[in-house]
Amino acid sequence: AMERFFVDLDGEQPCGLYELVLAQVEEPLLQSVLNHTRGNQTKAARLLGINRNTLRKKLKLYGLSDGE
């Protein structure tokens, strides 16, 4: 997928590539894990190997938090 991305750029230099790719992958990953754990953030954080507070911050960033 990345090779196609670079071809599609047609010589233009990408900017902020890390954040762009991370956002494309991280949001659906978080949503999928939350679905799997039926919204249990503690279990989701454990599955992801991150701290629950980090998970909550990421959920807020992507608008996936329920305001708790």
N, C-alpha and C. Protein backbone atom coordinates (compact mmCIF):
# COMPACT_ATOMS: atom_id res chain seq x y z
N ALA A 1 0.82 -1.19 0.00
CA ALA A 1 0.00 0.00 0.00
C ALA A 1 0.87 1.25 0.00
N MET A 2 1.98 1.21 0.73
CA MET A 2 2.85 2.39 0.78
C MET A 2 3.52 2.65 -0.57
N GLU A 3 3.91 1.59 -1.25
CA GLU A 3 4.54 1.78 -2.56
C GLU A 3 3.56 2.46 -3.53
N ARG A 4 2.30 2.04 -3.48
CA ARG A 4 1.29 2.67 -4.34
C ARG A 4 1.11 4.13 -3.96
N PHE A 5 1.12 4.41 -2.67
CA PHE A 5 1.00 5.78 -2.19
C PHE A 5 2.11 6.65 -2.79
N PHE A 6 3.35 6.14 -2.75
CA PHE A 6 4.47 6.91 -3.30
C PHE A 6 4.35 7.10 -4.80
N VAL A 7 3.88 6.09 -5.51
CA VAL A 7 3.67 6.21 -6.96
C VAL A 7 2.60 7.27 -7.23
N ASP A 8 1.53 7.23 -6.46
CA ASP A 8 0.43 8.19 -6.65
C ASP A 8 0.84 9.62 -6.37
N LEU A 9 1.90 9.81 -5.57
CA LEU A 9 2.37 11.16 -5.28
C LEU A 9 2.98 11.82 -6.52
N ASP A 10 3.39 11.01 -7.48
CA ASP A 10 3.94 11.52 -8.74
C ASP A 10 5.06 12.53 -8.53
N GLY A 11 6.00 12.18 -7.65
CA GLY A 11 7.16 13.02 -7.44
C GLY A 11 7.02 14.05 -6.33
N GLU A 12 5.82 14.30 -5.87
CA GLU A 12 5.62 15.23 -4.75
C GLU A 12 6.19 14.62 -3.47
N GLN A 13 6.71 15.47 -2.61
CA GLN A 13 7.27 15.00 -1.35
C GLN A 13 6.19 15.01 -0.27
N PRO A 14 5.94 13.86 0.35
CA PRO A 14 4.92 13.82 1.40
C PRO A 14 5.39 14.55 2.65
N CYS A 15 4.45 15.04 3.42
CA CYS A 15 4.76 15.73 4.67
C CYS A 15 3.89 15.12 5.76
N GLY A 16 4.48 14.82 6.89
CA GLY A 16 3.71 14.26 7.99
C GLY A 16 3.26 12.83 7.72
N LEU A 17 4.06 12.08 7.01
CA LEU A 17 3.70 10.73 6.59
C LEU A 17 3.42 9.80 7.77
N TYR A 18 4.23 9.89 8.80
CA TYR A 18 4.04 9.01 9.96
C TYR A 18 2.65 9.21 10.57
N GLU A 19 2.29 10.46 10.82
CA GLU A 19 1.00 10.76 11.42
C GLU A 19 -0.14 10.35 10.50
N LEU A 20 0.02 10.56 9.20
CA LEU A 20 -1.00 10.20 8.22
C LEU A 20 -1.28 8.70 8.24
N VAL A 21 -0.23 7.90 8.18
CA VAL A 21 -0.38 6.45 8.17
C VAL A 21 -0.92 5.95 9.51
N LEU A 22 -0.38 6.48 10.59
CA LEU A 22 -0.81 6.07 11.92
C LEU A 22 -2.31 6.33 12.11
N ALA A 23 -2.78 7.49 11.69
CA ALA A 23 -4.20 7.81 11.83
C ALA A 23 -5.07 6.87 11.00
N GLN A 24 -4.58 6.47 9.84
CA GLN A 24 -5.35 5.57 8.98
C GLN A 24 -5.45 4.17 9.57
N VAL A 25 -4.45 3.76 10.33
CA VAL A 25 -4.41 2.41 10.88
C VAL A 25 -4.93 2.38 12.32
N GLU A 26 -4.57 3.38 13.10
CA GLU A 26 -4.86 3.35 14.53
C GLU A 26 -6.35 3.45 14.84
N GLU A 27 -7.06 4.34 14.19
CA GLU A 27 -8.48 4.51 14.50
C GLU A 27 -9.29 3.23 14.27
N PRO A 28 -9.18 2.59 13.09
CA PRO A 28 -9.93 1.35 12.93
C PRO A 28 -9.46 0.23 13.86
N LEU A 29 -8.17 0.21 14.20
CA LEU A 29 -7.67 -0.78 15.15
C LEU A 29 -8.34 -0.59 16.51
N LEU A 30 -8.37 0.64 16.99
CA LEU A 30 -8.99 0.92 18.29
C LEU A 30 -10.46 0.55 18.27
N GLN A 31 -11.16 0.91 17.20
CA GLN A 31 -12.58 0.60 17.10
C GLN A 31 -12.82 -0.90 17.10
N SER A 32 -12.00 -1.63 16.38
CA SER A 32 -12.13 -3.08 16.30
C SER A 32 -11.90 -3.74 17.66
N VAL A 33 -10.86 -3.30 18.34
CA VAL A 33 -10.56 -3.88 19.66
C VAL A 33 -11.66 -3.53 20.66
N LEU A 34 -12.17 -2.30 20.61
CA LEU A 34 -13.26 -1.93 21.50
C LEU A 34 -14.51 -2.76 21.21
N ASN A 35 -14.79 -3.00 19.95
CA ASN A 35 -15.92 -3.85 19.60
C ASN A 35 -15.73 -5.26 20.16
N HIS A 36 -14.51 -5.76 20.02
CA HIS A 36 -14.19 -7.11 20.50
C HIS A 36 -14.38 -7.22 22.02
N THR A 37 -14.01 -6.15 22.73
CA THR A 37 -14.10 -6.17 24.20
C THR A 37 -15.43 -5.60 24.68
N ARG A 38 -16.34 -5.38 23.76
CA ARG A 38 -17.67 -4.81 24.08
C ARG A 38 -17.55 -3.50 24.86
N GLY A 39 -16.58 -2.69 24.45
CA GLY A 39 -16.41 -1.37 25.05
C GLY A 39 -15.62 -1.34 26.34
N ASN A 40 -15.11 -2.47 26.78
CA ASN A 40 -14.34 -2.52 28.02
C ASN A 40 -12.93 -1.98 27.74
N GLN A 41 -12.70 -0.75 28.20
CA GLN A 41 -11.43 -0.09 27.92
C GLN A 41 -10.25 -0.74 28.62
N THR A 42 -10.45 -1.29 29.79
CA THR A 42 -9.36 -1.97 30.49
C THR A 42 -8.90 -3.18 29.70
N LYS A 43 -9.86 -3.98 29.23
CA LYS A 43 -9.51 -5.16 28.42
C LYS A 43 -8.90 -4.74 27.09
N ALA A 44 -9.44 -3.69 26.49
CA ALA A 44 -8.92 -3.21 25.21
C ALA A 44 -7.47 -2.76 25.36
N ALA A 45 -7.19 -1.99 26.40
CA ALA A 45 -5.82 -1.52 26.64
C ALA A 45 -4.87 -2.69 26.84
N ARG A 46 -5.33 -3.69 27.59
CA ARG A 46 -4.50 -4.88 27.83
C ARG A 46 -4.20 -5.60 26.51
N LEU A 47 -5.22 -5.76 25.66
CA LEU A 47 -5.01 -6.42 24.37
C LEU A 47 -4.04 -5.64 23.49
N LEU A 48 -4.13 -4.33 23.55
CA LEU A 48 -3.27 -3.48 22.72
C LEU A 48 -1.86 -3.33 23.30
N GLY A 49 -1.72 -3.66 24.59
CA GLY A 49 -0.41 -3.52 25.23
C GLY A 49 -0.07 -2.08 25.57
N ILE A 50 -1.13 -1.29 25.84
CA ILE A 50 -0.91 0.11 26.22
C ILE A 50 -1.64 0.38 27.53
N ASN A 51 -1.26 1.47 28.16
CA ASN A 51 -1.89 1.91 29.40
C ASN A 51 -3.32 2.37 29.11
N ARG A 52 -4.24 2.14 30.04
CA ARG A 52 -5.63 2.53 29.83
C ARG A 52 -5.77 4.03 29.63
N ASN A 53 -4.97 4.83 30.33
CA ASN A 53 -5.02 6.28 30.14
C ASN A 53 -4.57 6.67 28.74
N THR A 54 -3.59 5.98 28.21
CA THR A 54 -3.15 6.22 26.83
C THR A 54 -4.28 5.88 25.87
N LEU A 55 -4.95 4.76 26.12
CA LEU A 55 -6.08 4.38 25.28
C LEU A 55 -7.16 5.45 25.31
N ARG A 56 -7.50 5.92 26.50
CA ARG A 56 -8.54 6.94 26.63
C ARG A 56 -8.16 8.21 25.86
N LYS A 57 -6.88 8.59 25.92
CA LYS A 57 -6.43 9.78 25.20
C LYS A 57 -6.57 9.57 23.69
N LYS A 58 -6.22 8.39 23.21
CA LYS A 58 -6.35 8.09 21.79
C LYS A 58 -7.81 8.04 21.36
N LEU A 59 -8.67 7.49 22.20
CA LEU A 59 -10.10 7.43 21.88
C LEU A 59 -10.67 8.85 21.75
N LYS A 60 -10.25 9.72 22.64
CA LYS A 60 -10.70 11.11 22.58
C LYS A 60 -10.19 11.79 21.32
N LEU A 61 -8.94 11.52 20.96
CA LEU A 61 -8.34 12.10 19.76
C LEU A 61 -9.13 11.75 18.52
N TYR A 62 -9.60 10.51 18.43
CA TYR A 62 -10.33 10.05 17.25
C TYR A 62 -11.85 10.19 17.40
N GLY A 63 -12.29 10.78 18.49
CA GLY A 63 -13.72 10.94 18.69
C GLY A 63 -14.44 9.65 18.97
N LEU A 64 -13.74 8.69 19.54
CA LEU A 64 -14.33 7.38 19.84
C LEU A 64 -14.73 7.25 21.30
N SER A 65 -14.42 8.25 22.12
CA SER A 65 -14.75 8.15 23.53
C SER A 65 -16.21 8.52 23.73
N ASP A 66 -16.77 7.98 24.80
CA ASP A 66 -18.17 8.25 25.11
C ASP A 66 -18.33 9.33 26.16
N GLY A 67 -17.23 10.06 26.40
CA GLY A 67 -17.29 11.18 27.34
C GLY A 67 -17.04 10.81 28.78
N GLU A 68 -16.75 9.55 29.05
CA GLU A 68 -16.48 9.13 30.43
C GLU A 68 -15.09 9.54 30.83
